[in-house]
Protein backbone atom coordinates (compact mmCIF):
# COMPACT_ATOMS: atom_id res chain seq x y z
CA MET A 1 0.00 0.00 0.00
CA ALA A 2 2.84 2.38 0.90
CA LEU A 3 4.62 1.55 -2.38
CA MET A 4 1.45 2.20 -4.40
CA GLY A 5 0.89 5.50 -2.58
CA SER A 6 4.48 6.59 -3.21
CA LEU A 7 4.23 5.68 -6.89
CA ALA A 8 0.93 7.55 -7.16
CA ILE A 9 2.50 10.70 -5.68
CA VAL A 10 5.44 10.57 -8.10
CA LEU A 11 3.13 10.05 -11.07
CA LEU A 12 0.86 12.85 -9.85
CA THR A 13 3.86 15.19 -9.63
CA LEU A 14 4.91 14.38 -13.19
CA GLY A 15 1.31 14.70 -14.37
CA ILE A 16 0.94 18.16 -12.83
CA SER A 17 4.23 19.22 -14.40
CA GLN A 18 3.12 18.05 -17.85
CA TRP A 19 -0.33 19.61 -17.44
CA MET A 20 1.11 23.01 -16.53
CA ALA A 21 3.63 22.90 -19.41
CA SER A 22 1.25 21.55 -22.09
CA PRO A 23 -0.29 24.70 -23.69
CA ALA A 24 2.75 25.40 -25.90
CA LYS A 25 2.63 21.90 -27.39
CA ARG A 26 -1.14 21.80 -27.67
CA TYR A 27 -1.27 25.02 -29.69
CA GLY A 28 1.54 23.93 -31.97
CA LEU A 29 3.98 26.68 -31.04
CA GLU A 30 7.52 26.46 -32.36
CA SER A 31 10.18 26.21 -29.68
CA VAL A 32 13.33 28.19 -30.46
CA GLY A 33 16.35 26.05 -29.64
CA GLN A 34 19.21 28.40 -30.51
CA LEU A 35 19.74 32.16 -30.61
CA GLU A 36 22.57 34.61 -30.83
CA CYS A 37 23.49 36.32 -27.56
CA ALA A 38 25.86 39.02 -26.35
CA VAL A 39 26.74 40.27 -22.88
CA LEU A 40 25.93 43.95 -22.35
CA SER A 41 28.61 45.35 -20.11
CA GLU A 42 27.68 48.49 -18.22
CA GLY A 43 28.43 51.55 -20.36
CA GLY A 44 29.43 49.36 -23.32
CA ASP A 45 28.78 50.14 -26.96
CA ARG A 46 25.92 48.07 -28.39
CA ASP A 47 27.29 48.44 -31.90
CA SER A 48 30.43 46.47 -31.02
CA LEU A 49 28.93 43.50 -29.19
CA ALA A 50 30.54 40.06 -29.34
CA TRP A 51 27.72 37.88 -30.64
CA LYS A 52 27.80 34.09 -30.37
CA ARG A 53 25.43 31.18 -30.73
CA CYS A 54 23.74 29.95 -27.56
CA SER A 55 21.31 27.17 -26.76
CA ILE A 56 17.96 27.65 -25.02
CA PRO A 57 17.60 27.30 -22.06
CA HIS A 58 20.53 29.65 -21.51
CA ASN A 59 21.45 29.47 -17.82
CA TRP A 60 23.92 32.17 -16.76
CA ASP A 61 25.11 30.17 -13.76
CA ARG A 62 26.51 27.60 -16.17
CA VAL A 63 27.77 29.75 -19.04
CA LEU A 64 28.35 33.11 -17.31
CA PRO A 65 29.19 32.22 -13.69
CA GLY A 66 29.03 35.21 -11.36
CA TYR A 67 27.55 37.53 -14.01
CA GLN A 68 24.84 40.02 -13.06
CA GLY A 69 23.30 42.49 -15.46
CA ASP A 70 21.96 42.32 -19.03
CA VAL A 71 22.29 39.83 -21.87
CA LEU A 72 20.90 40.62 -25.32
CA TYR A 73 19.51 37.80 -27.49
CA ARG A 74 18.50 38.10 -31.12
CA MET A 75 16.82 36.04 -33.82
CA ILE A 76 15.27 36.54 -37.24
CA LEU A 77 11.53 36.23 -37.95
CA THR A 78 10.60 36.07 -41.61
CA SER A 79 7.31 37.59 -42.74
CA SER A 80 5.68 37.39 -46.14
CA SER A 81 2.47 38.64 -47.67
CA GLY A 82 -0.61 36.84 -46.42
CA MET A 83 1.03 35.44 -43.30
CA PRO A 84 -0.84 36.05 -40.03
CA PRO A 85 0.93 38.33 -37.54
CA PRO A 86 3.21 36.38 -35.19
CA GLY A 87 3.57 36.43 -31.43
CA ILE A 88 6.40 35.59 -29.04
CA LEU A 89 6.04 33.74 -25.76
CA LEU A 90 9.05 33.45 -23.50
CA ALA A 91 10.13 32.56 -19.99
CA ALA A 92 13.02 34.50 -18.51
CA SER A 93 14.50 34.76 -15.06
CA MET A 94 14.25 37.49 -13.85
CA ASN A 95 12.83 40.01 -16.36
CA ALA A 96 12.88 40.70 -20.09
CA ALA A 97 12.06 43.33 -22.71
CA ILE A 98 11.69 42.90 -26.49
CA ARG A 99 12.61 45.03 -29.50
CA LEU A 100 11.47 44.56 -33.10
CA ASN A 101 13.53 46.09 -35.89
CA GLY A 102 15.08 48.56 -33.45
CA GLN A 103 11.77 49.59 -31.79
CA TRP A 104 11.04 48.58 -28.20
CA LEU A 105 7.65 46.90 -27.91
CA GLY A 106 7.40 46.32 -24.17
CA ASN A 107 8.74 44.51 -21.16
CA GLY A 108 7.67 42.33 -18.28
CA GLY A 109 7.59 45.22 -15.84
CA PRO A 110 10.14 47.54 -14.23
CA MET A 111 13.72 46.73 -15.28
CA ARG A 112 15.14 48.78 -12.41
CA GLU A 113 15.32 47.82 -8.74
CA PRO A 114 13.12 46.54 -7.34
CA MET A 115 12.95 44.65 -10.63
CA SER A 116 9.87 42.66 -11.67
CA ARG A 117 10.24 38.98 -10.78
CA ASN A 118 8.98 37.02 -13.80
CA TRP A 119 10.99 33.90 -13.02
CA ASN A 120 7.81 31.84 -12.63
CA HIS A 121 5.65 33.64 -15.22
CA HIS A 122 5.60 33.59 -19.02
CA LEU A 123 5.81 36.85 -20.98
CA PHE A 124 3.72 37.46 -24.11
CA PHE A 125 4.67 39.95 -26.83
CA PRO A 126 2.23 40.35 -29.77
CA LEU A 127 3.71 41.47 -33.09
CA SER A 128 1.05 43.10 -35.26
CA ALA A 129 1.12 43.07 -39.04
CA GLY A 130 1.76 46.80 -39.02
CA GLN A 131 4.94 46.34 -37.02
CA MET A 132 6.37 43.59 -39.22
CA LYS A 133 8.03 44.26 -42.55
CA GLN A 134 8.22 41.98 -45.54
CA GLY A 135 11.17 39.62 -45.36
CA ASP A 136 13.50 39.29 -42.39
CA ASN A 137 12.69 41.02 -39.10
CA LEU A 138 15.21 41.37 -36.29
CA VAL A 139 13.83 40.42 -32.87
CA GLU A 140 15.98 41.30 -29.85
CA ILE A 141 15.26 40.07 -26.32
CA LEU A 142 16.91 41.91 -23.44
CA VAL A 143 17.14 39.80 -20.26
CA ARG A 144 18.17 41.22 -16.91
CA GLY A 145 19.05 38.96 -14.00
CA TYR A 146 21.14 38.35 -10.93
CA ALA A 147 24.36 36.45 -10.32
CA ASN A 148 24.16 32.82 -9.15
CA ASN A 149 20.37 32.91 -9.35
CA SER A 150 19.74 30.70 -12.41
CA SER A 151 19.02 33.86 -14.39
CA GLY A 152 18.80 33.71 -18.15
CA LEU A 153 16.46 32.90 -21.01
CA LEU A 154 14.60 29.66 -20.27
CA ARG A 155 12.08 29.21 -23.10
CA VAL A 156 11.17 30.98 -26.36
CA TYR A 157 8.10 30.07 -28.41
CA THR A 158 6.86 31.62 -31.65
CA GLY A 159 3.76 31.08 -33.74
CA PRO A 160 0.62 32.73 -35.10
CA LEU A 161 -0.53 35.53 -32.84
CA ASN A 162 -3.86 33.94 -31.92
CA SER A 163 -2.23 30.63 -31.00
CA VAL A 164 0.46 32.32 -28.92
CA ARG A 165 -2.13 34.46 -27.14
CA ALA A 166 -4.28 31.40 -26.37
CA ALA A 167 -1.28 29.47 -25.04
CA PHE A 168 -0.22 32.44 -22.91
CA ARG A 169 -3.69 32.73 -21.40
CA GLU A 170 -3.63 29.07 -20.45
CA PHE A 171 -0.16 29.45 -18.95
CA GLN A 172 -1.37 32.43 -16.95
CA VAL A 173 -4.59 30.78 -15.81
CA ARG A 174 -2.86 27.57 -14.80
CA GLY A 175 0.16 29.15 -13.16
CA SER A 176 -1.67 32.03 -11.48
CA PHE A 177 -4.63 29.90 -10.41
CA VAL A 178 -2.50 27.13 -8.95
CA GLY A 179 -0.10 29.54 -7.23
CA MET A 180 -2.85 31.74 -5.83
CA ALA A 181 -4.88 28.72 -4.73
CA ALA A 182 -1.83 27.38 -2.88
CA TRP A 183 -1.24 30.74 -1.20
CA VAL A 184 -4.89 31.14 -0.14
CA ALA A 185 -5.12 27.54 1.06
CA THR A 186 -1.99 28.00 3.16
CA GLY A 187 -3.34 31.19 4.69
CA VAL A 188 -6.71 29.63 5.52
CA VAL A 189 -5.11 26.52 7.02
CA GLY A 190 -2.64 28.65 8.99
CA LEU A 191 -5.36 30.87 10.45
CA LEU A 192 -7.46 27.84 11.40
CA ALA A 193 -4.46 26.20 13.04
CA LEU A 194 -3.61 29.40 14.91
CA PHE A 195 -7.17 29.60 16.22
CA ALA A 196 -7.06 25.94 17.23
CA SER A 197 -3.73 26.39 19.04
CA LEU A 198 -5.16 29.25 21.12
CA LEU A 199 -8.33 27.32 21.86
CA LEU A 200 -6.58 24.09 22.81
CA ARG A 201 -3.44 25.74 24.19
CA SER A 202 -1.46 23.21 22.18
CA ARG A 203 2.24 23.79 21.36
CA MET A 204 1.98 21.07 18.70
CA VAL A 205 -0.76 22.95 16.83
CA ALA A 206 1.11 26.23 17.35
CA CYS A 207 4.16 24.74 15.56
CA PHE A 208 1.92 23.73 12.68
CA ALA A 209 0.37 27.22 12.51
CA LEU A 210 3.83 28.86 12.49
CA GLY A 211 4.90 26.50 9.69
CA CYS A 212 1.90 27.58 7.61
CA MET A 213 2.41 31.30 8.29
CA THR A 214 6.10 31.26 7.39
CA SER A 215 5.28 29.26 4.25
CA MET A 216 3.13 32.14 3.00
CA VAL A 217 6.24 34.26 2.42
CA TYR A 218 7.87 31.93 -0.12
CA LEU A 219 4.46 31.15 -1.65
CA ALA A 220 4.02 34.90 -2.19
CA ASP A 221 7.34 34.85 -4.06
CA VAL A 222 5.77 32.37 -6.49
CA VAL A 223 2.65 34.49 -7.08
CA LEU A 224 3.90 38.09 -6.92
CA VAL A 225 5.67 39.72 -9.85
CA ASP A 226 6.30 43.21 -8.47
CA VAL A 227 7.56 43.40 -4.89
CA GLU A 228 8.26 46.90 -3.58
CA ILE A 229 11.05 45.64 -1.32
CA PRO A 230 14.80 45.68 -2.13
CA ARG A 231 15.84 42.41 -3.69
CA ALA A 232 18.46 41.62 -1.03
CA ILE A 233 15.91 41.86 1.79
CA TRP A 234 13.14 40.04 -0.05
CA GLU A 235 15.33 37.12 -1.17
CA ARG A 236 16.64 36.62 2.34
CA ALA A 237 13.12 36.64 3.74
CA VAL A 238 12.00 34.09 1.13
CA GLN A 239 14.92 31.72 1.68
CA PHE A 240 14.59 31.93 5.45
CA SER A 241 10.84 31.23 5.22
CA ILE A 242 11.50 28.01 3.27
CA VAL A 243 13.75 26.52 5.93
CA ALA A 244 11.87 28.06 8.88
CA SER A 245 8.61 26.49 7.72
CA GLN A 246 10.31 23.09 7.41
CA GLY A 247 11.76 23.49 10.90
CA PHE A 248 8.37 24.26 12.43
CA PHE A 249 6.83 21.31 10.58
CA MET A 250 9.56 19.02 11.95
CA LEU A 251 8.67 20.11 15.49
CA PHE A 252 5.01 19.53 14.72
CA ILE A 253 5.63 16.02 13.38
CA ALA A 254 7.82 15.13 16.36
CA ARG A 255 5.01 16.04 18.76
CA LEU A 256 2.31 14.49 16.54
CA LEU A 257 4.14 11.14 16.41
CA ASP A 258 5.13 11.46 20.07
CA LEU A 259 8.82 11.09 19.27
CA LYS A 260 10.98 10.98 22.41
CA MET A 261 13.57 13.55 21.30
CA PRO A 262 13.92 16.10 24.13
CA ARG A 263 16.71 18.06 22.38
CA LEU A 264 14.97 18.30 19.01
CA GLU A 265 13.56 21.77 19.66
CA MET A 266 17.00 23.05 20.67
CA ILE A 267 18.61 21.53 17.56
CA VAL A 268 15.99 23.05 15.23
CA SER A 269 16.20 26.44 16.97
CA VAL A 270 20.00 26.55 16.69
CA TYR A 271 19.79 25.44 13.04
CA LEU A 272 17.33 28.24 12.19
CA LEU A 273 19.41 30.82 14.05
CA MET A 274 22.59 29.77 12.25
CA GLY A 275 20.81 29.92 8.91
CA LEU A 276 19.42 33.38 9.68
CA VAL A 277 22.89 34.67 10.56
CA LEU A 278 24.29 33.06 7.40
CA LEU A 279 21.68 34.74 5.19
CA ILE A 280 22.34 38.11 6.80
CA LEU A 281 26.12 37.92 6.37
CA VAL A 282 26.43 36.23 2.96
CA PRO A 283 26.97 38.68 0.02
CA ASP A 284 24.24 39.06 -2.57
CA SER A 285 26.25 37.27 -5.26
CA ARG A 286 26.49 34.11 -3.11
CA LEU A 287 23.03 34.25 -1.59
CA MET A 288 21.35 31.61 -3.76
CA PRO A 289 24.15 28.99 -3.55
CA ALA A 290 24.23 29.40 0.24
CA ALA A 291 20.46 29.10 0.39
CA ALA A 292 20.54 26.00 -1.84
CA LEU A 293 23.03 24.35 0.53
CA TRP A 294 20.94 25.24 3.54
CA GLU A 295 17.74 23.98 1.90
CA GLY A 296 19.52 20.76 0.89
CA ILE A 297 20.21 20.04 4.56
CA SER A 298 16.55 20.73 5.27
CA LEU A 299 15.53 18.24 2.59
CA LEU A 300 17.65 15.61 4.31
CA MET A 301 15.77 16.36 7.53
CA VAL A 302 12.47 15.92 5.72
CA LEU A 303 13.69 12.64 4.20
CA ALA A 304 14.69 11.35 7.65
CA ALA A 305 11.29 12.29 9.09
CA ASP A 306 9.57 10.61 6.12
CA LEU A 307 11.48 7.34 6.64
CA LEU A 308 10.71 7.46 10.37
CA ALA A 309 7.01 7.92 9.68
CA PHE A 310 7.02 4.93 7.31
CA ILE A 311 8.80 2.82 9.95
CA TYR A 312 6.23 3.80 12.58
CA TRP A 313 3.40 2.93 10.18
CA ILE A 314 4.89 -0.50 9.39
CA SER A 315 5.53 -1.30 13.05
CA ARG A 316 2.29 0.07 14.52
CA GLY A 317 -0.13 -0.04 11.58
CA GLU A 318 -1.81 3.30 12.38
CA GLY A 319 -3.11 5.36 9.48
CA LEU A 320 -1.84 8.56 11.10
CA TYR A 321 1.76 7.62 10.38
CA LEU A 322 0.97 6.71 6.76
CA ALA A 323 -0.75 10.06 6.23
CA VAL A 324 2.31 11.89 7.57
CA ALA A 325 4.68 9.77 5.46
CA LEU A 326 2.75 10.33 2.22
CA GLY A 327 2.40 14.05 2.93
CA LEU A 328 6.16 14.40 3.43
CA LEU A 329 6.78 12.33 0.30
CA ALA A 330 4.64 14.74 -1.72
CA SER A 331 6.79 17.61 -0.46
CA LEU A 332 9.99 15.77 -1.36
CA ALA A 333 8.74 14.80 -4.84
CA THR A 334 7.82 18.36 -5.83
CA CYS A 335 10.99 19.84 -4.28
CA LEU A 336 13.22 17.39 -6.13
CA HIS A 337 11.34 18.10 -9.38
CA ASP A 338 12.57 21.71 -9.19
CA TRP A 339 15.81 21.31 -7.24
CA ILE A 340 17.50 18.69 -9.43
CA PRO A 341 17.55 20.87 -12.63
CA TRP A 342 18.97 23.72 -10.56
CA VAL A 343 21.75 21.60 -9.09
CA ALA A 344 22.47 20.04 -12.51
CA GLY A 345 22.98 23.52 -13.99
CA ASN A 346 19.98 23.48 -16.33
CA GLY A 347 18.33 26.47 -14.67
CA VAL A 348 14.98 26.82 -12.98
CA ALA A 349 12.58 23.98 -13.81
CA GLN A 350 9.57 24.84 -15.94
CA PRO A 351 7.03 24.75 -14.53
CA PHE A 352 8.06 25.45 -10.96
CA ILE A 353 5.79 23.34 -8.69
CA PHE A 354 7.61 22.73 -5.40
CA TYR A 355 5.02 24.81 -3.52
CA LEU A 356 2.30 22.23 -4.27
CA GLY A 357 3.84 19.48 -2.12
CA PRO A 358 3.93 21.40 1.17
CA VAL A 359 0.42 22.67 0.51
CA GLY A 360 -0.86 19.11 0.13
CA PHE A 361 0.93 18.15 3.33
CA MET A 362 -0.55 21.14 5.17
CA VAL A 363 -4.08 20.36 4.02
CA ALA A 364 -3.70 16.68 5.06
CA MET A 365 -2.36 17.63 8.47
CA ALA A 366 -5.05 20.27 8.85
CA ALA A 367 -7.68 17.57 8.30
CA LEU A 368 -6.14 15.57 11.14
CA LEU A 369 -6.08 18.62 13.38
CA VAL A 370 -9.68 19.47 12.60
CA SER A 371 -10.78 15.95 13.52
CA THR A 372 -8.79 16.23 16.76
CA LEU A 373 -10.33 19.61 17.49
CA VAL A 374 -13.84 18.29 16.93
CA SER A 375 -13.31 15.23 19.15
CA GLU A 376 -11.78 17.27 22.00
CA ALA A 377 -14.16 20.26 21.93
CA GLU A 378 -16.23 20.69 25.07
CA ARG A 379 -19.86 19.66 24.66
CA GLU A 380 -21.29 22.61 26.58
CA ARG A 381 -19.82 25.01 24.01
CA GLU A 382 -21.38 23.35 20.99
CA MET A 383 -24.79 24.95 21.49
CA ALA A 384 -23.21 28.36 22.06
CA ARG A 385 -21.21 28.09 18.85
CA THR A 386 -24.30 26.97 16.96
CA LEU A 387 -26.37 29.88 18.27
CA GLN A 388 -23.53 32.29 17.54
CA GLY A 389 -23.32 30.95 14.01
CA VAL A 390 -27.06 31.42 13.50
CA VAL A 391 -26.87 35.00 14.79
CA GLU A 392 -23.93 35.80 12.53
CA ARG A 393 -25.63 34.26 9.50
CA ASN A 394 -28.80 36.24 10.24
CA GLU A 395 -26.78 39.43 10.63
CA LYS A 396 -24.94 38.78 7.39
CA GLY A 397 -28.25 38.02 5.71
CA LEU A 398 -29.70 41.29 6.94
CA GLN A 399 -26.58 43.12 5.85
CA ARG A 400 -26.83 41.58 2.37
CA ILE A 401 -30.50 42.57 2.18
CA ASN A 402 -29.67 46.11 3.29
CA ARG A 403 -26.85 46.36 0.77
CA SER A 404 -29.10 45.04 -1.98
CA MET A 405 -31.83 47.56 -1.10
CA LEU A 406 -29.27 50.38 -0.98
CA ASP A 407 -27.84 49.34 -4.36
CA LEU A 408 -31.34 49.20 -5.85
CA TRP A 409 -32.12 52.64 -4.43
CA LYS A 410 -28.87 54.07 -5.84
CA ASP A 411 -29.52 52.50 -9.26
CA GLN A 412 -33.04 53.87 -9.30
CA ALA A 413 -31.82 57.31 -8.26
CA VAL A 414 -29.28 57.31 -11.08
CA ARG A 415 -31.92 56.20 -13.59
CA ASP A 416 -34.34 58.87 -12.39
CA GLU A 417 -31.68 61.58 -12.70
CA ARG A 418 -30.74 60.41 -16.21
CA ASP A 419 -34.40 60.40 -17.23
CA ARG A 420 -34.84 63.90 -15.81
CA ILE A 421 -31.84 65.21 -17.76
CA VAL A 422 -33.12 63.60 -20.97
CA ARG A 423 -36.58 65.13 -20.42
CA GLU A 424 -35.10 68.58 -19.79
CA LEU A 425 -32.98 68.33 -22.92
CA HIS A 426 -35.91 67.10 -24.99
CA ASP A 427 -38.53 69.55 -23.71
CA GLY A 428 -36.22 72.55 -23.28
CA LEU A 429 -33.35 72.62 -25.75
CA GLY A 430 -35.07 70.21 -28.13
CA GLY A 431 -38.20 72.36 -28.26
CA ARG A 432 -36.20 75.50 -28.93
CA LEU A 433 -34.28 73.82 -31.75
CA ALA A 434 -37.51 72.55 -33.29
CA ALA A 435 -39.02 76.04 -33.19
CA ALA A 436 -35.84 77.51 -34.66
CA ALA A 437 -35.98 74.97 -37.48
CA ILE A 438 -39.51 76.09 -38.36
CA ASP A 439 -38.60 79.79 -38.21
CA SER A 440 -35.55 79.26 -40.41
CA SER A 441 -37.43 77.76 -43.31
CA HIS A 442 -36.48 80.82 -45.40
CA ASP A 443 -32.76 80.10 -44.86
CA PRO A 444 -31.87 76.54 -46.02
CA ALA A 445 -28.26 76.78 -44.79
CA LEU A 446 -29.31 77.84 -41.29
CA GLN A 447 -32.04 75.22 -41.26
CA LYS A 448 -29.47 72.53 -42.13
CA GLU A 449 -27.23 73.61 -39.26
CA ILE A 450 -30.17 73.51 -36.85
CA ARG A 451 -31.17 70.03 -37.96
CA GLU A 452 -27.57 68.83 -37.50
CA ALA A 453 -27.69 70.28 -33.99
CA MET A 454 -30.94 68.40 -33.38
CA ASP A 455 -29.27 65.18 -34.57
CA GLU A 456 -26.39 65.85 -32.18
CA LEU A 457 -28.85 66.43 -29.33
CA ARG A 458 -30.63 63.14 -30.08
CA PHE A 459 -27.25 61.37 -30.08
CA ILE A 460 -26.30 62.89 -26.71
CA MET A 461 -29.67 61.93 -25.21
CA GLY A 462 -29.19 58.40 -26.49
CA ALA A 463 -25.76 58.25 -24.90
CA ILE A 464 -27.18 59.40 -21.56
CA ASP A 465 -29.90 56.76 -21.74
CA SER A 466 -28.88 54.06 -19.23
CA ASP A 467 -30.44 51.30 -21.35
CA LEU A 468 -28.06 51.83 -24.27
CA ASP A 469 -24.93 49.67 -24.40
CA PRO A 470 -21.70 50.54 -26.30
CA GLY A 471 -22.88 48.51 -29.28
CA SER A 472 -26.05 50.57 -29.53
CA LEU A 473 -24.05 53.80 -29.33
CA LEU A 474 -21.83 52.55 -32.16
CA VAL A 475 -24.89 51.67 -34.26
CA ALA A 476 -26.35 55.15 -33.69
CA CYS A 477 -23.05 56.78 -34.62
CA ARG A 478 -22.76 54.62 -37.74
CA SER A 479 -26.29 55.52 -38.85
CA ARG A 480 -25.60 59.23 -38.41
CA MET A 481 -22.25 59.08 -40.20
CA GLU A 482 -23.74 57.14 -43.12
CA ARG A 483 -26.42 59.80 -43.60
CA LEU A 484 -23.74 62.48 -43.72
CA ALA A 485 -21.65 60.40 -46.12
CA GLU A 486 -24.64 59.89 -48.40
CA CYS A 487 -25.29 63.62 -48.47
CA SER A 488 -21.62 64.29 -49.20
CA GLY A 489 -21.36 61.65 -51.94
CA ILE A 490 -18.65 59.76 -50.07
CA GLN A 491 -18.44 55.97 -49.75
CA LEU A 492 -18.24 55.03 -46.06
CA GLU A 493 -17.04 51.48 -45.26
CA TRP A 494 -17.27 49.82 -41.82
CA GLN A 495 -15.40 46.79 -40.49
CA VAL A 496 -16.20 46.05 -36.85
CA GLU A 497 -14.63 42.83 -35.48
CA GLY A 498 -14.99 43.63 -31.79
CA LEU A 499 -15.18 46.40 -29.21
CA PRO A 500 -12.22 47.56 -27.10
CA ARG A 501 -12.38 46.74 -23.41
CA CYS A 502 -12.34 50.43 -22.55
CA MET A 503 -15.85 50.73 -24.06
CA GLU A 504 -17.21 48.77 -21.12
CA PHE A 505 -17.12 52.09 -19.23
CA GLY A 506 -19.64 54.74 -20.23
CA GLU A 507 -17.29 57.76 -20.32
CA GLN A 508 -14.60 55.94 -22.29
CA ALA A 509 -17.20 54.50 -24.68
CA MET A 510 -18.33 58.05 -25.46
CA HIS A 511 -14.70 59.09 -26.09
CA VAL A 512 -14.33 56.27 -28.65
CA ILE A 513 -17.60 57.24 -30.34
CA ARG A 514 -16.51 60.88 -30.45
CA ILE A 515 -13.17 59.91 -31.96
CA ILE A 516 -14.96 58.02 -34.76
CA GLN A 517 -17.37 60.90 -35.29
CA GLU A 518 -14.62 63.55 -35.37
CA GLY A 519 -12.31 61.48 -37.60
CA VAL A 520 -15.00 60.64 -40.16
CA THR A 521 -16.35 64.20 -40.18
CA ASN A 522 -12.87 65.66 -40.75
CA ALA A 523 -12.28 63.25 -43.64
CA MET A 524 -15.60 64.21 -45.24
CA ARG A 525 -15.05 67.95 -44.86
CA HIS A 526 -11.35 68.44 -45.54
CA SER A 527 -9.77 65.45 -47.27
CA GLN A 528 -11.49 65.60 -50.68
CA ALA A 529 -11.81 61.82 -50.34
CA GLY A 530 -14.08 59.49 -52.23
CA ARG A 531 -13.92 56.69 -49.68
CA VAL A 532 -13.54 56.59 -45.90
CA GLN A 533 -12.88 53.35 -43.97
CA VAL A 534 -13.53 52.68 -40.28
CA ARG A 535 -11.97 49.50 -38.80
CA LEU A 536 -12.49 48.58 -35.17
CA ASP A 537 -11.46 45.53 -33.11
CA GLU A 538 -10.51 44.76 -29.52
CA ASN A 539 -7.12 46.49 -29.76
CA THR A 540 -7.22 48.98 -32.62
CA LEU A 541 -9.31 51.76 -34.20
CA ILE A 542 -8.33 52.89 -37.70
CA ILE A 543 -9.98 55.72 -39.68
CA ALA A 544 -8.49 56.01 -43.18
CA ASP A 545 -9.41 57.95 -46.34
CA ASP A 546 -8.07 58.16 -49.89
CA GLY A 547 -8.03 61.95 -49.96
CA ALA A 548 -5.31 64.46 -50.75
CA GLY A 549 -3.77 64.33 -47.27
CA PHE A 550 -1.76 67.13 -45.68
CA ASP A 551 1.74 67.92 -44.47
CA GLU A 552 1.90 67.09 -40.76
CA LYS A 553 4.90 69.39 -40.26
CA THR A 554 3.38 72.52 -41.79
CA VAL A 555 -0.33 72.19 -41.10
CA GLU A 556 -1.63 74.06 -38.07
CA LYS A 557 -3.00 71.61 -35.50
CA GLY A 558 -6.47 72.81 -34.63
CA ARG A 559 -8.86 71.97 -31.87
CA GLY A 560 -10.04 68.84 -33.66
CA LEU A 561 -6.64 67.11 -33.63
CA HIS A 562 -6.09 68.22 -30.05
CA ASN A 563 -9.43 66.67 -29.06
CA LEU A 564 -8.51 63.41 -30.79
CA HIS A 565 -5.23 63.24 -28.87
CA TYR A 566 -7.02 64.03 -25.63
CA ARG A 567 -9.80 61.46 -26.10
CA ALA A 568 -7.34 58.72 -27.09
CA GLN A 569 -5.31 59.45 -23.97
CA ARG A 570 -8.45 59.30 -21.78
CA THR A 571 -9.21 55.80 -23.05
CA GLY A 572 -5.63 54.61 -22.43
CA GLY A 573 -4.90 54.40 -26.15
CA ILE A 574 -1.88 55.41 -28.22
CA PHE A 575 -2.67 58.00 -30.93
CA ASP A 576 -0.92 57.88 -34.30
CA LEU A 577 -1.61 60.12 -37.32
CA ARG A 578 -0.12 59.57 -40.78
CA SER A 579 -0.90 61.62 -43.88
CA ASP A 580 0.53 61.85 -47.38
CA SER A 581 -0.67 62.34 -50.93
CA SER A 582 -2.43 58.95 -50.93
CA GLY A 583 -4.62 59.79 -47.93
CA THR A 584 -4.78 60.16 -44.16
CA MET A 585 -4.91 57.44 -41.51
CA ILE A 586 -5.73 57.86 -37.82
CA ARG A 587 -4.74 54.85 -35.70
CA ILE A 588 -5.44 54.34 -31.99
CA SER A 589 -4.01 51.24 -30.30
CA TRP A 590 -4.95 49.88 -26.91
CA PRO A 591 -2.20 47.74 -25.35
């Protein structure tokens, strides 16, 4: 039974590893095996770099021992007409930025201290068709990392943009979900154990609670990307939490199994104190090797405790010992999965899953503690706890009802105010415009201006209407623009493949609509165009015409262009204007 359980844990560990690493294969992404790389010395000239071939994964500890700073990688992506835009998915420890044909496209976060920690997260860089040129395109990847920390470029995948994006989303969902679930589970178990230790006044349960709480620090290192703490302090806290949690768990197991080792607490305390002093005194460049040595000793302690638990189970036949043994084995299996590649010089394992083993052990031990707590709880307190629970549930129910009623009241108040504003506009300003239209029948030009103002008023009232969604606003804008185009004798073409996320918010949706309205109106009035195109998807808005264009350097930028810049900025978009003799194109991109 023990052998079958051990085999099952090993197979489960490998299965989880394959499951978390499978999106790249499933979406048919191409794995880049070799690149050119060059070390960027501080203050060096990038035009005189010493390029050489390197294999991926490229672990600096093995090929650049003791190096800390930047390494530049480059490769060629070939693009031809009709090919879908590509994307790049990579894993780098610690952080990376990418440049296409000499233009920086983005990075994984701050490249300065405290630097973003993407060592356990994939980075996705989309390359749009507008950024690629026909033929060969130079892609450069700048990686920044620390000495003796398995820094470097671990994985590089390329493929069609949609496939890369889908694979990245799965990587993010799987990695973030698993890591966050482990962190939350540890926190919940730790809080429950802390409560139980206070209630039972048990030093055994207190050791378990301290093991869970200290584990949350290194689990946060798996989940968090940006940590606003200097790297030297954060790394030391993380490495100390790994060994400290193992020490507290050893004390817990010794008391749980009733091991007669009176000096164990002293040994563990001295070991933790020595490790803390070591981490404080060791220089930054040698921090990770020292921590690896320290953690290796801790793994030997876990292995000894695991063997002891198996021996107790064989000799006494109690399921408690088997549960402890299998829980410790799960921790060892996941730790070795990640630790062996590091020791062998292959870099950080992908995916990194050591945090799953201790979490499984904590949950198993928590189940034992909960059963112990239930069996030892005093009977006279059961009714009090039940009544207290009922009162709390009733209070929470009343609070939810009150919040729901307050939300309904606020929603109704907002709707009433919107309806009042629409009525005032319709009965006041709308009535005056209608009367002015009748009085101006002798002046066709003035009457046309008044009717355009009435159309604008109807559009504004429709935008204020709470029942209209962004799609309806876009339909109303399209209808109005098509009427103007028909009157102007201009062909207006629409291609809507999706709505930007910013249009989920009412104010930003109106900014997008106004950008379309202003851009199309300008093209109709000033470009002398015969055709105007509007293309909209989740990331881009393009308004293009085939008019005479204008010189961007000499033309005076009026209020219209200023408004377009302002509205694009308010939606979080990047405004780009290009004009020549073949026409004018306005492009707004949302990252």
